[in-house]
Amino acid sequence: MKKSFRSVGHWMKAIMFSLLLMVVYTAIQVGAGMFQTITYQPDIAAAYESVDYMQHKVSFGVIYKPEGPWMFLSRLAGGMVLYWVIYWLWTRWRQNRMER
């Protein structure tokens, strides 16, 4: 017995939508990075002028960047909420259109 996409629950659709958003976002970031790497042309004169500024600027402390399972789960939850908002707006629009 083969299940169609419509028979899959809304939770599973929301998770798939969220994962798809993460994959598309990552692909866009990788593509932008590749484009910038390919088109980069270093300017030695401008780089030499900024050396003095960089020698006097020192950062102290620790920079905490929260990565790992919590960031993944928060992005997954955000994508699921976005799916449900879009689904709710779509059903409201469709109901209003059918009432006319």
C-alpha atoms as a PDB file:
ATOM      1  CA  MET A   1       0.000   0.000   0.000  1.00  0.00           C
ATOM      2  CA  LYS A   2       1.600   3.218  -1.185  1.00  0.00           C
ATOM      3  CA  LYS A   3       0.978   6.443   0.746  1.00  0.00           C
ATOM      4  CA  SER A   4       0.522   9.687  -1.110  1.00  0.00           C
ATOM      5  CA  PHE A   5       1.990  12.995   0.067  1.00  0.00           C
ATOM      6  CA  ARG A   6      -1.454  14.176   1.173  1.00  0.00           C
ATOM      7  CA  SER A   7      -1.816  11.295   3.614  1.00  0.00           C
ATOM      8  CA  VAL A   8       1.397  12.235   5.441  1.00  0.00           C
ATOM      9  CA  GLY A   9       0.643  14.099   8.680  1.00  0.00           C
ATOM     10  CA  HIS A  10       1.152  17.816   9.094  1.00  0.00           C
ATOM     11  CA  TRP A  11       4.010  17.229  11.558  1.00  0.00           C
ATOM     12  CA  MET A  12       5.966  15.294   8.951  1.00  0.00           C
ATOM     13  CA  LYS A  13       5.215  17.886   6.260  1.00  0.00           C
ATOM     14  CA  ALA A  14       6.387  20.645   8.601  1.00  0.00           C
ATOM     15  CA  ILE A  15       9.631  18.793   9.348  1.00  0.00           C
ATOM     16  CA  MET A  16      10.264  18.149   5.638  1.00  0.00           C
ATOM     17  CA  PHE A  17       9.557  21.806   4.824  1.00  0.00           C
ATOM     18  CA  SER A  18      11.932  22.956   7.536  1.00  0.00           C
ATOM     19  CA  LEU A  19      14.709  20.609   6.406  1.00  0.00           C
ATOM     20  CA  LEU A  20      14.215  21.761   2.821  1.00  0.00           C
ATOM     21  CA  LEU A  21      14.590  25.392   3.935  1.00  0.00           C
ATOM     22  CA  MET A  22      17.844  24.510   5.712  1.00  0.00           C
ATOM     23  CA  VAL A  23      19.217  22.747   2.625  1.00  0.00           C
ATOM     24  CA  VAL A  24      18.264  25.641   0.324  1.00  0.00           C
ATOM     25  CA  TYR A  25      19.785  28.184   2.746  1.00  0.00           C
ATOM     26  CA  THR A  26      23.029  26.189   2.944  1.00  0.00           C
ATOM     27  CA  ALA A  27      23.172  25.832  -0.840  1.00  0.00           C
ATOM     28  CA  ILE A  28      22.735  29.595  -1.275  1.00  0.00           C
ATOM     29  CA  GLN A  29      25.504  30.290   1.254  1.00  0.00           C
ATOM     30  CA  VAL A  30      27.873  27.846  -0.463  1.00  0.00           C
ATOM     31  CA  GLY A  31      27.062  29.299  -3.879  1.00  0.00           C
ATOM     32  CA  ALA A  32      27.647  32.864  -2.671  1.00  0.00           C
ATOM     33  CA  GLY A  33      30.959  31.845  -1.097  1.00  0.00           C
ATOM     34  CA  MET A  34      32.078  30.139  -4.290  1.00  0.00           C
ATOM     35  CA  PHE A  35      31.135  33.197  -6.340  1.00  0.00           C
ATOM     36  CA  GLN A  36      33.050  35.531  -4.030  1.00  0.00           C
ATOM     37  CA  THR A  37      36.086  33.237  -4.090  1.00  0.00           C
ATOM     38  CA  ILE A  38      36.093  33.047  -7.880  1.00  0.00           C
ATOM     39  CA  THR A  39      35.673  36.802  -8.435  1.00  0.00           C
ATOM     40  CA  TYR A  40      38.095  37.983  -5.685  1.00  0.00           C
ATOM     41  CA  GLN A  41      41.007  40.114  -6.886  1.00  0.00           C
ATOM     42  CA  PRO A  42      43.431  41.107  -4.130  1.00  0.00           C
ATOM     43  CA  ASP A  43      44.645  44.691  -3.940  1.00  0.00           C
ATOM     44  CA  ILE A  44      48.093  44.728  -2.349  1.00  0.00           C
ATOM     45  CA  ALA A  45      48.284  48.525  -1.906  1.00  0.00           C
ATOM     46  CA  ALA A  46      44.984  48.689  -0.011  1.00  0.00           C
ATOM     47  CA  ALA A  47      45.953  45.687   2.119  1.00  0.00           C
ATOM     48  CA  TYR A  48      49.238  47.357   3.104  1.00  0.00           C
ATOM     49  CA  GLU A  49      47.378  50.485   4.321  1.00  0.00           C
ATOM     50  CA  SER A  50      45.196  48.470   6.701  1.00  0.00           C
ATOM     51  CA  VAL A  51      48.132  46.647   8.374  1.00  0.00           C
ATOM     52  CA  ASP A  52      48.771  49.463  10.855  1.00  0.00           C
ATOM     53  CA  TYR A  53      45.147  49.438  11.980  1.00  0.00           C
ATOM     54  CA  MET A  54      45.178  45.673  12.403  1.00  0.00           C
ATOM     55  CA  GLN A  55      48.376  45.741  14.496  1.00  0.00           C
ATOM     56  CA  HIS A  56      46.825  48.036  17.122  1.00  0.00           C
ATOM     57  CA  LYS A  57      43.445  46.352  17.390  1.00  0.00           C
ATOM     58  CA  VAL A  58      43.500  43.433  19.818  1.00  0.00           C
ATOM     59  CA  SER A  59      40.457  41.523  21.023  1.00  0.00           C
ATOM     60  CA  PHE A  60      40.368  40.031  24.487  1.00  0.00           C
ATOM     61  CA  GLY A  61      37.939  37.468  25.799  1.00  0.00           C
ATOM     62  CA  VAL A  62      36.035  34.552  24.423  1.00  0.00           C
ATOM     63  CA  ILE A  63      33.471  34.660  21.656  1.00  0.00           C
ATOM     64  CA  TYR A  64      30.715  32.151  22.296  1.00  0.00           C
ATOM     65  CA  LYS A  65      28.914  30.994  19.194  1.00  0.00           C
ATOM     66  CA  PRO A  66      26.097  28.578  20.010  1.00  0.00           C
ATOM     67  CA  GLU A  67      26.212  25.764  17.510  1.00  0.00           C
ATOM     68  CA  GLY A  68      25.296  22.174  17.732  1.00  0.00           C
ATOM     69  CA  PRO A  69      22.023  20.431  18.442  1.00  0.00           C
ATOM     70  CA  TRP A  70      20.273  23.463  19.995  1.00  0.00           C
ATOM     71  CA  MET A  71      20.783  25.636  16.941  1.00  0.00           C
ATOM     72  CA  PHE A  72      19.631  22.829  14.653  1.00  0.00           C
ATOM     73  CA  LEU A  73      16.526  22.237  16.766  1.00  0.00           C
ATOM     74  CA  SER A  74      15.706  25.945  16.963  1.00  0.00           C
ATOM     75  CA  ARG A  75      16.006  26.278  13.179  1.00  0.00           C
ATOM     76  CA  LEU A  76      13.891  23.173  12.724  1.00  0.00           C
ATOM     77  CA  ALA A  77      11.219  24.574  15.057  1.00  0.00           C
ATOM     78  CA  GLY A  78      11.306  27.938  13.264  1.00  0.00           C
ATOM     79  CA  GLY A  79      10.818  26.249   9.910  1.00  0.00           C
ATOM     80  CA  MET A  80       7.922  24.211  11.289  1.00  0.00           C
ATOM     81  CA  VAL A  81       6.229  27.345  12.625  1.00  0.00           C
ATOM     82  CA  LEU A  82       6.726  29.013   9.238  1.00  0.00           C
ATOM     83  CA  TYR A  83       5.123  26.005   7.532  1.00  0.00           C
ATOM     84  CA  TRP A  84       2.101  26.139   9.833  1.00  0.00           C
ATOM     85  CA  VAL A  85       1.669  29.880   9.284  1.00  0.00           C
ATOM     86  CA  ILE A  86       1.822  29.428   5.506  1.00  0.00           C
ATOM     87  CA  TYR A  87      -0.569  26.459   5.700  1.00  0.00           C
ATOM     88  CA  TRP A  88      -3.022  28.437   7.853  1.00  0.00           C
ATOM     89  CA  LEU A  89      -2.901  31.430   5.474  1.00  0.00           C
ATOM     90  CA  TRP A  90      -3.344  29.135   2.468  1.00  0.00           C
ATOM     91  CA  THR A  91      -6.414  27.399   3.954  1.00  0.00           C
ATOM     92  CA  ARG A  92      -7.979  30.733   4.953  1.00  0.00           C
ATOM     93  CA  TRP A  93      -7.411  32.134   1.458  1.00  0.00           C
ATOM     94  CA  ARG A  94      -8.834  29.001  -0.145  1.00  0.00           C
ATOM     95  CA  GLN A  95     -11.912  29.064   2.095  1.00  0.00           C
ATOM     96  CA  ASN A  96     -12.552  32.733   1.319  1.00  0.00           C
ATOM     97  CA  ARG A  97     -12.198  32.062  -2.388  1.00  0.00           C
ATOM     98  CA  MET A  98     -14.677  29.174  -2.278  1.00  0.00           C
ATOM     99  CA  GLU A  99     -17.253  31.224  -0.353  1.00  0.00           C
ATOM    100  CA  ARG A 100     -17.458  33.797  -3.138  1.00  0.00           C
END
